[in-house]
C-alpha cells in the first residue's frame, strides 16, 4: 500500500528565499502569509517613518506585498529576499509620496470653506527623527521641519537617508536596494547630511534673529 503524502509545513527555520521560491512554484498561500508575517513589523515601521502617516504606510505595505505576489516568478533565488523587498517598498513609497504631493497641491488650490473642519495637511501629519544623528530633537515642530527638509532633497537623497540613518541598513544593503554602487550611497549620504545640517543651522539662526 502506498503511503499517503504528508501535508507540507513551514517553520521559522525556512529561509525567506525558499519560502518565496516555493510560493512561486506552488502558489501555496501559507508560504506567502508566513513571509508577510515575518516582515510586517519591519517593513511597516520603515514605511511609517518614510511616509509619516499610518494610513499611507498601511496602503503602501499592501501594495508592496501585492507586487511581491505579482513578481515572485521573477525573483532570482540566488539573491536575498530582504533587499529585493526593500527595493519594492521604497519605490512604492516614493510613488505614494509623489501622489500625496500632487493631492496636497490640489487641496491648497481648492481650500475647504471651513478651515477648522479640515484635516491636517500632509506635511503637518509627518513625523521624523532629526537631520543630525548627534542632535536628535523631540519637538513635533522640529520633526515636522525635518520631514520637509529630507523631502526637499529629492527622492534619491531622501531614500538613502531613510535606509541608512533611519532604518539602520548597511551601505551595501542600501546600494543593493537602490541598484547603485556603494560609493554612490556614501557620497549621497554625505551630501544629504551636509545639506540638512546647513538648513538646520540656517533655521536656528533665523529663529534666534526673529526672537530678538
C-alpha atoms as a PDB file:
ATOM      1  CA  UNK A   1       0.000   0.000   0.000  1.00  0.00           C
ATOM      2  CA  UNK A   2       1.314   3.413  -0.946  1.00  0.00           C
ATOM      3  CA  UNK A   3       1.760   5.839   1.879  1.00  0.00           C
ATOM      4  CA  UNK A   4      -0.315   8.987   1.769  1.00  0.00           C
ATOM      5  CA  UNK A   5       1.610  12.205   1.085  1.00  0.00           C
ATOM      6  CA  UNK A   6       2.050  14.328   4.168  1.00  0.00           C
ATOM      7  CA  UNK A   7       0.959  17.959   4.243  1.00  0.00           C
ATOM      8  CA  UNK A   8       3.737  20.458   3.797  1.00  0.00           C
ATOM      9  CA  UNK A   9       4.599  22.507   6.864  1.00  0.00           C
ATOM     10  CA  UNK A  10       6.633  25.680   7.028  1.00  0.00           C
ATOM     11  CA  UNK A  11       8.664  26.661  10.037  1.00  0.00           C
ATOM     12  CA  UNK A  12      10.664  29.629  11.215  1.00  0.00           C
ATOM     13  CA  UNK A  13      13.786  27.815  10.018  1.00  0.00           C
ATOM     14  CA  UNK A  14      12.706  28.091   6.378  1.00  0.00           C
ATOM     15  CA  UNK A  15      14.659  30.842   4.648  1.00  0.00           C
ATOM     16  CA  UNK A  16      12.909  33.780   3.026  1.00  0.00           C
ATOM     17  CA  UNK A  17      14.337  32.653  -0.285  1.00  0.00           C
ATOM     18  CA  UNK A  18      12.986  29.117  -0.006  1.00  0.00           C
ATOM     19  CA  UNK A  19       9.552  30.418   1.012  1.00  0.00           C
ATOM     20  CA  UNK A  20       9.317  32.777  -1.938  1.00  0.00           C
ATOM     21  CA  UNK A  21      10.728  30.298  -4.439  1.00  0.00           C
ATOM     22  CA  UNK A  22       8.325  27.598  -3.289  1.00  0.00           C
ATOM     23  CA  UNK A  23       5.418  30.057  -3.349  1.00  0.00           C
ATOM     24  CA  UNK A  24       6.232  30.975  -6.946  1.00  0.00           C
ATOM     25  CA  UNK A  25       6.238  27.261  -7.798  1.00  0.00           C
ATOM     26  CA  UNK A  26       3.146  26.115  -5.875  1.00  0.00           C
ATOM     27  CA  UNK A  27       1.054  29.204  -5.175  1.00  0.00           C
ATOM     28  CA  UNK A  28       0.594  27.985  -1.587  1.00  0.00           C
ATOM     29  CA  UNK A  29      -0.883  30.960   0.303  1.00  0.00           C
ATOM     30  CA  UNK A  30       0.538  29.736   3.610  1.00  0.00           C
ATOM     31  CA  UNK A  31       4.015  30.411   2.283  1.00  0.00           C
ATOM     32  CA  UNK A  32       3.103  33.956   1.312  1.00  0.00           C
ATOM     33  CA  UNK A  33       1.383  34.611   4.644  1.00  0.00           C
ATOM     34  CA  UNK A  34       4.438  33.345   6.506  1.00  0.00           C
ATOM     35  CA  UNK A  35       6.650  35.768   4.585  1.00  0.00           C
ATOM     36  CA  UNK A  36       4.247  38.651   5.225  1.00  0.00           C
ATOM     37  CA  UNK A  37       4.136  37.970   8.966  1.00  0.00           C
ATOM     38  CA  UNK A  38       7.911  37.737   9.052  1.00  0.00           C
ATOM     39  CA  UNK A  39       8.332  41.195   7.554  1.00  0.00           C
ATOM     40  CA  UNK A  40       5.210  43.035   8.686  1.00  0.00           C
ATOM     41  CA  UNK A  41       6.694  44.890  11.649  1.00  0.00           C
ATOM     42  CA  UNK A  42       9.992  45.755   9.934  1.00  0.00           C
ATOM     43  CA  UNK A  43       8.620  46.948   6.603  1.00  0.00           C
ATOM     44  CA  UNK A  44       5.582  48.689   8.057  1.00  0.00           C
ATOM     45  CA  UNK A  45       7.818  50.537  10.524  1.00  0.00           C
ATOM     46  CA  UNK A  46      10.129  51.572   7.686  1.00  0.00           C
ATOM     47  CA  UNK A  47       7.222  52.838   5.589  1.00  0.00           C
ATOM     48  CA  UNK A  48       5.707  54.701   8.521  1.00  0.00           C
ATOM     49  CA  UNK A  49       8.968  56.557   9.115  1.00  0.00           C
ATOM     50  CA  UNK A  50       9.393  57.188   5.391  1.00  0.00           C
ATOM     51  CA  UNK A  51       5.851  58.463   4.847  1.00  0.00           C
ATOM     52  CA  UNK A  52       4.902  59.724   8.302  1.00  0.00           C
ATOM     53  CA  UNK A  53       1.319  58.501   8.151  1.00  0.00           C
ATOM     54  CA  UNK A  54      -0.144  55.254   9.427  1.00  0.00           C
ATOM     55  CA  UNK A  55      -2.823  55.042   6.745  1.00  0.00           C
ATOM     56  CA  UNK A  56      -0.409  55.718   3.898  1.00  0.00           C
ATOM     57  CA  UNK A  57       2.131  53.269   5.320  1.00  0.00           C
ATOM     58  CA  UNK A  58      -0.518  50.545   5.505  1.00  0.00           C
ATOM     59  CA  UNK A  59      -1.593  51.205   1.911  1.00  0.00           C
ATOM     60  CA  UNK A  60       1.992  51.049   0.664  1.00  0.00           C
ATOM     61  CA  UNK A  61       2.679  47.913   2.707  1.00  0.00           C
ATOM     62  CA  UNK A  62      -0.240  46.206   0.975  1.00  0.00           C
ATOM     63  CA  UNK A  63       0.969  47.496  -2.396  1.00  0.00           C
ATOM     64  CA  UNK A  64       4.454  46.168  -1.675  1.00  0.00           C
ATOM     65  CA  UNK A  65       3.277  42.658  -0.977  1.00  0.00           C
ATOM     66  CA  UNK A  66       0.906  42.740  -3.906  1.00  0.00           C
ATOM     67  CA  UNK A  67       3.968  43.459  -6.051  1.00  0.00           C
ATOM     68  CA  UNK A  68       5.840  40.613  -4.334  1.00  0.00           C
ATOM     69  CA  UNK A  69       2.950  38.312  -5.252  1.00  0.00           C
ATOM     70  CA  UNK A  70       2.844  39.508  -8.848  1.00  0.00           C
ATOM     71  CA  UNK A  71       6.621  39.429  -9.354  1.00  0.00           C
ATOM     72  CA  UNK A  72       7.503  36.313  -7.344  1.00  0.00           C
ATOM     73  CA  UNK A  73       8.152  34.409 -10.566  1.00  0.00           C
ATOM     74  CA  UNK A  74      10.829  36.974 -11.471  1.00  0.00           C
ATOM     75  CA  UNK A  75      12.736  36.525  -8.216  1.00  0.00           C
ATOM     76  CA  UNK A  76      16.265  35.191  -8.675  1.00  0.00           C
ATOM     77  CA  UNK A  77      16.766  32.528  -5.973  1.00  0.00           C
ATOM     78  CA  UNK A  78      20.479  33.295  -5.734  1.00  0.00           C
ATOM     79  CA  UNK A  79      19.563  36.762  -4.420  1.00  0.00           C
ATOM     80  CA  UNK A  80      18.337  37.656  -0.948  1.00  0.00           C
ATOM     81  CA  UNK A  81      14.664  38.469  -0.424  1.00  0.00           C
ATOM     82  CA  UNK A  82      15.193  41.280   2.089  1.00  0.00           C
ATOM     83  CA  UNK A  83      16.904  43.853  -0.198  1.00  0.00           C
ATOM     84  CA  UNK A  84      14.543  42.941  -3.052  1.00  0.00           C
ATOM     85  CA  UNK A  85      11.579  43.540  -0.753  1.00  0.00           C
ATOM     86  CA  UNK A  86      13.027  46.864   0.450  1.00  0.00           C
ATOM     87  CA  UNK A  87      13.573  47.964  -3.150  1.00  0.00           C
ATOM     88  CA  UNK A  88       9.922  47.326  -3.993  1.00  0.00           C
ATOM     89  CA  UNK A  89       8.755  49.023  -0.771  1.00  0.00           C
ATOM     90  CA  UNK A  90      10.981  52.060  -1.376  1.00  0.00           C
ATOM     91  CA  UNK A  91       9.772  52.544  -4.950  1.00  0.00           C
ATOM     92  CA  UNK A  92       6.152  52.174  -3.814  1.00  0.00           C
ATOM     93  CA  UNK A  93       6.733  54.702  -1.016  1.00  0.00           C
ATOM     94  CA  UNK A  94       8.270  57.232  -3.414  1.00  0.00           C
ATOM     95  CA  UNK A  95       5.307  56.826  -5.776  1.00  0.00           C
ATOM     96  CA  UNK A  96       2.865  57.305  -2.878  1.00  0.00           C
ATOM     97  CA  UNK A  97       4.789  60.364  -1.708  1.00  0.00           C
ATOM     98  CA  UNK A  98       4.563  61.927  -5.172  1.00  0.00           C
ATOM     99  CA  UNK A  99       0.812  61.284  -5.303  1.00  0.00           C
ATOM    100  CA  UNK A 100       0.435  62.824  -1.848  1.00  0.00           C
ATOM    101  CA  UNK A 101       2.290  65.935  -3.009  1.00  0.00           C
ATOM    102  CA  UNK A 102       0.006  66.295  -6.020  1.00  0.00           C
ATOM    103  CA  UNK A 103      -3.057  65.840  -3.824  1.00  0.00           C
ATOM    104  CA  UNK A 104      -1.733  68.371  -1.367  1.00  0.00           C
ATOM    105  CA  UNK A 105      -1.197  70.964  -4.089  1.00  0.00           C
ATOM    106  CA  UNK A 106      -4.726  70.329  -5.331  1.00  0.00           C
ATOM    107  CA  UNK A 107      -6.126  70.837  -1.836  1.00  0.00           C
ATOM    108  CA  UNK A 108      -4.178  74.089  -1.491  1.00  0.00           C
ATOM    109  CA  UNK A 109      -5.633  75.321  -4.769  1.00  0.00           C
ATOM    110  CA  UNK A 110      -9.134  74.429  -3.556  1.00  0.00           C
ATOM    111  CA  UNK A 111      -9.278  75.089   0.213  1.00  0.00           C
ATOM    112  CA  UNK A 112     -12.207  73.850   2.249  1.00  0.00           C
ATOM    113  CA  UNK A 113     -14.718  76.525   3.322  1.00  0.00           C
ATOM    114  CA  UNK A 114     -14.431  75.661   6.996  1.00  0.00           C
ATOM    115  CA  UNK A 115     -10.761  75.569   7.925  1.00  0.00           C
ATOM    116  CA  UNK A 116     -11.471  74.107  11.367  1.00  0.00           C
ATOM    117  CA  UNK A 117     -13.108  71.033   9.845  1.00  0.00           C
ATOM    118  CA  UNK A 118     -10.182  70.296   7.542  1.00  0.00           C
ATOM    119  CA  UNK A 119      -7.789  67.505   8.371  1.00  0.00           C
ATOM    120  CA  UNK A 120      -4.174  68.468   8.897  1.00  0.00           C
ATOM    121  CA  UNK A 121      -2.180  68.895   5.725  1.00  0.00           C
ATOM    122  CA  UNK A 122       0.079  66.093   4.549  1.00  0.00           C
ATOM    123  CA  UNK A 123       3.156  67.912   5.781  1.00  0.00           C
ATOM    124  CA  UNK A 124       1.620  68.631   9.185  1.00  0.00           C
ATOM    125  CA  UNK A 125       0.960  64.945   9.784  1.00  0.00           C
ATOM    126  CA  UNK A 126       4.539  63.831   9.209  1.00  0.00           C
ATOM    127  CA  UNK A 127       6.978  62.850  11.925  1.00  0.00           C
ATOM    128  CA  UNK A 128      10.680  62.040  11.697  1.00  0.00           C
ATOM    129  CA  UNK A 129      13.976  61.997  13.603  1.00  0.00           C
ATOM    130  CA  UNK A 130      16.367  64.963  13.421  1.00  0.00           C
ATOM    131  CA  UNK A 131      18.736  65.586  10.473  1.00  0.00           C
ATOM    132  CA  UNK A 132      21.862  65.311  12.574  1.00  0.00           C
ATOM    133  CA  UNK A 133      22.186  61.933  14.352  1.00  0.00           C
ATOM    134  CA  UNK A 134      24.175  63.733  17.078  1.00  0.00           C
ATOM    135  CA  UNK A 135      21.392  66.254  17.736  1.00  0.00           C
ATOM    136  CA  UNK A 136      18.022  64.496  17.787  1.00  0.00           C
ATOM    137  CA  UNK A 137      15.104  66.775  18.599  1.00  0.00           C
ATOM    138  CA  UNK A 138      11.960  65.618  20.341  1.00  0.00           C
ATOM    139  CA  UNK A 139       9.691  68.547  19.473  1.00  0.00           C
ATOM    140  CA  UNK A 140       6.873  67.949  16.997  1.00  0.00           C
ATOM    141  CA  UNK A 141       7.671  71.205  15.204  1.00  0.00           C
ATOM    142  CA  UNK A 142      11.272  70.171  14.601  1.00  0.00           C
ATOM    143  CA  UNK A 143      10.320  66.681  13.491  1.00  0.00           C
ATOM    144  CA  UNK A 144       7.865  68.192  11.012  1.00  0.00           C
ATOM    145  CA  UNK A 145      10.545  70.573   9.803  1.00  0.00           C
ATOM    146  CA  UNK A 146      12.983  67.730   9.254  1.00  0.00           C
ATOM    147  CA  UNK A 147      10.427  65.668   7.359  1.00  0.00           C
ATOM    148  CA  UNK A 148      10.010  68.527   4.904  1.00  0.00           C
ATOM    149  CA  UNK A 149      13.761  69.128   4.739  1.00  0.00           C
ATOM    150  CA  UNK A 150      14.521  65.486   3.880  1.00  0.00           C
ATOM    151  CA  UNK A 151      11.741  65.505   1.306  1.00  0.00           C
ATOM    152  CA  UNK A 152      13.171  68.660  -0.279  1.00  0.00           C
ATOM    153  CA  UNK A 153      16.455  66.882  -1.016  1.00  0.00           C
ATOM    154  CA  UNK A 154      14.779  64.827  -3.736  1.00  0.00           C
ATOM    155  CA  UNK A 155      13.938  61.138  -3.974  1.00  0.00           C
ATOM    156  CA  UNK A 156      17.478  59.793  -4.487  1.00  0.00           C
ATOM    157  CA  UNK A 157      18.904  61.533  -1.410  1.00  0.00           C
ATOM    158  CA  UNK A 158      15.833  61.013   0.750  1.00  0.00           C
ATOM    159  CA  UNK A 159      15.839  57.273   0.073  1.00  0.00           C
ATOM    160  CA  UNK A 160      19.476  56.953   1.185  1.00  0.00           C
ATOM    161  CA  UNK A 161      18.791  58.912   4.381  1.00  0.00           C
ATOM    162  CA  UNK A 162      15.754  56.766   5.167  1.00  0.00           C
ATOM    163  CA  UNK A 163      17.513  53.453   4.546  1.00  0.00           C
ATOM    164  CA  UNK A 164      20.865  54.130   6.210  1.00  0.00           C
ATOM    165  CA  UNK A 165      20.149  56.574   9.045  1.00  0.00           C
ATOM    166  CA  UNK A 166      16.535  55.912   9.944  1.00  0.00           C
ATOM    167  CA  UNK A 167      16.316  52.204   9.080  1.00  0.00           C
ATOM    168  CA  UNK A 168      19.880  51.357  10.058  1.00  0.00           C
ATOM    169  CA  UNK A 169      20.797  49.356   6.955  1.00  0.00           C
ATOM    170  CA  UNK A 170      24.404  48.875   5.889  1.00  0.00           C
ATOM    171  CA  UNK A 171      25.813  50.772   2.912  1.00  0.00           C
ATOM    172  CA  UNK A 172      25.971  47.620   0.801  1.00  0.00           C
ATOM    173  CA  UNK A 173      22.343  46.780   1.639  1.00  0.00           C
ATOM    174  CA  UNK A 174      21.184  50.276   0.653  1.00  0.00           C
ATOM    175  CA  UNK A 175      23.261  50.019  -2.523  1.00  0.00           C
ATOM    176  CA  UNK A 176      21.616  46.740  -3.499  1.00  0.00           C
ATOM    177  CA  UNK A 177      18.130  48.060  -2.722  1.00  0.00           C
ATOM    178  CA  UNK A 178      18.649  51.217  -4.776  1.00  0.00           C
ATOM    179  CA  UNK A 179      20.698  49.483  -7.520  1.00  0.00           C
ATOM    180  CA  UNK A 180      23.607  51.905  -7.159  1.00  0.00           C
ATOM    181  CA  UNK A 181      27.283  51.473  -6.187  1.00  0.00           C
ATOM    182  CA  UNK A 182      28.255  51.597  -2.510  1.00  0.00           C
ATOM    183  CA  UNK A 183      30.369  54.665  -3.259  1.00  0.00           C
ATOM    184  CA  UNK A 184      27.285  56.459  -4.574  1.00  0.00           C
ATOM    185  CA  UNK A 185      25.403  55.624  -1.370  1.00  0.00           C
ATOM    186  CA  UNK A 186      28.219  57.141   0.699  1.00  0.00           C
ATOM    187  CA  UNK A 187      28.502  60.275  -1.441  1.00  0.00           C
ATOM    188  CA  UNK A 188      24.743  60.860  -1.466  1.00  0.00           C
ATOM    189  CA  UNK A 189      24.587  60.333   2.272  1.00  0.00           C
ATOM    190  CA  UNK A 190      27.450  62.747   2.903  1.00  0.00           C
ATOM    191  CA  UNK A 191      25.900  65.360   0.627  1.00  0.00           C
ATOM    192  CA  UNK A 192      22.431  64.925   2.131  1.00  0.00           C
ATOM    193  CA  UNK A 193      23.653  65.258   5.721  1.00  0.00           C
ATOM    194  CA  UNK A 194      25.697  68.336   4.805  1.00  0.00           C
ATOM    195  CA  UNK A 195      22.651  69.970   3.201  1.00  0.00           C
ATOM    196  CA  UNK A 196      20.420  69.097   6.143  1.00  0.00           C
ATOM    197  CA  UNK A 197      22.971  70.443   8.603  1.00  0.00           C
ATOM    198  CA  UNK A 198      23.207  73.716   6.646  1.00  0.00           C
ATOM    199  CA  UNK A 199      19.424  74.055   6.581  1.00  0.00           C
ATOM    200  CA  UNK A 200      19.274  73.242  10.288  1.00  0.00           C
ATOM    201  CA  UNK A 201      21.810  75.960  11.157  1.00  0.00           C
ATOM    202  CA  UNK A 202      20.029  78.492   8.934  1.00  0.00           C
ATOM    203  CA  UNK A 203      16.747  77.678  10.633  1.00  0.00           C
ATOM    204  CA  UNK A 204      18.275  78.135  14.080  1.00  0.00           C
ATOM    205  CA  UNK A 205      19.887  81.429  13.115  1.00  0.00           C
ATOM    206  CA  UNK A 206      16.615  82.678  11.644  1.00  0.00           C
ATOM    207  CA  UNK A 207      14.742  81.636  14.776  1.00  0.00           C
ATOM    208  CA  UNK A 208      17.266  83.446  17.020  1.00  0.00           C
ATOM    209  CA  UNK A 209      17.013  86.665  14.989  1.00  0.00           C
ATOM    210  CA  UNK A 210      13.218  86.517  14.982  1.00  0.00           C
ATOM    211  CA  UNK A 211      13.125  86.182  18.779  1.00  0.00           C
ATOM    212  CA  UNK A 212      15.335  89.215  19.468  1.00  0.00           C
END
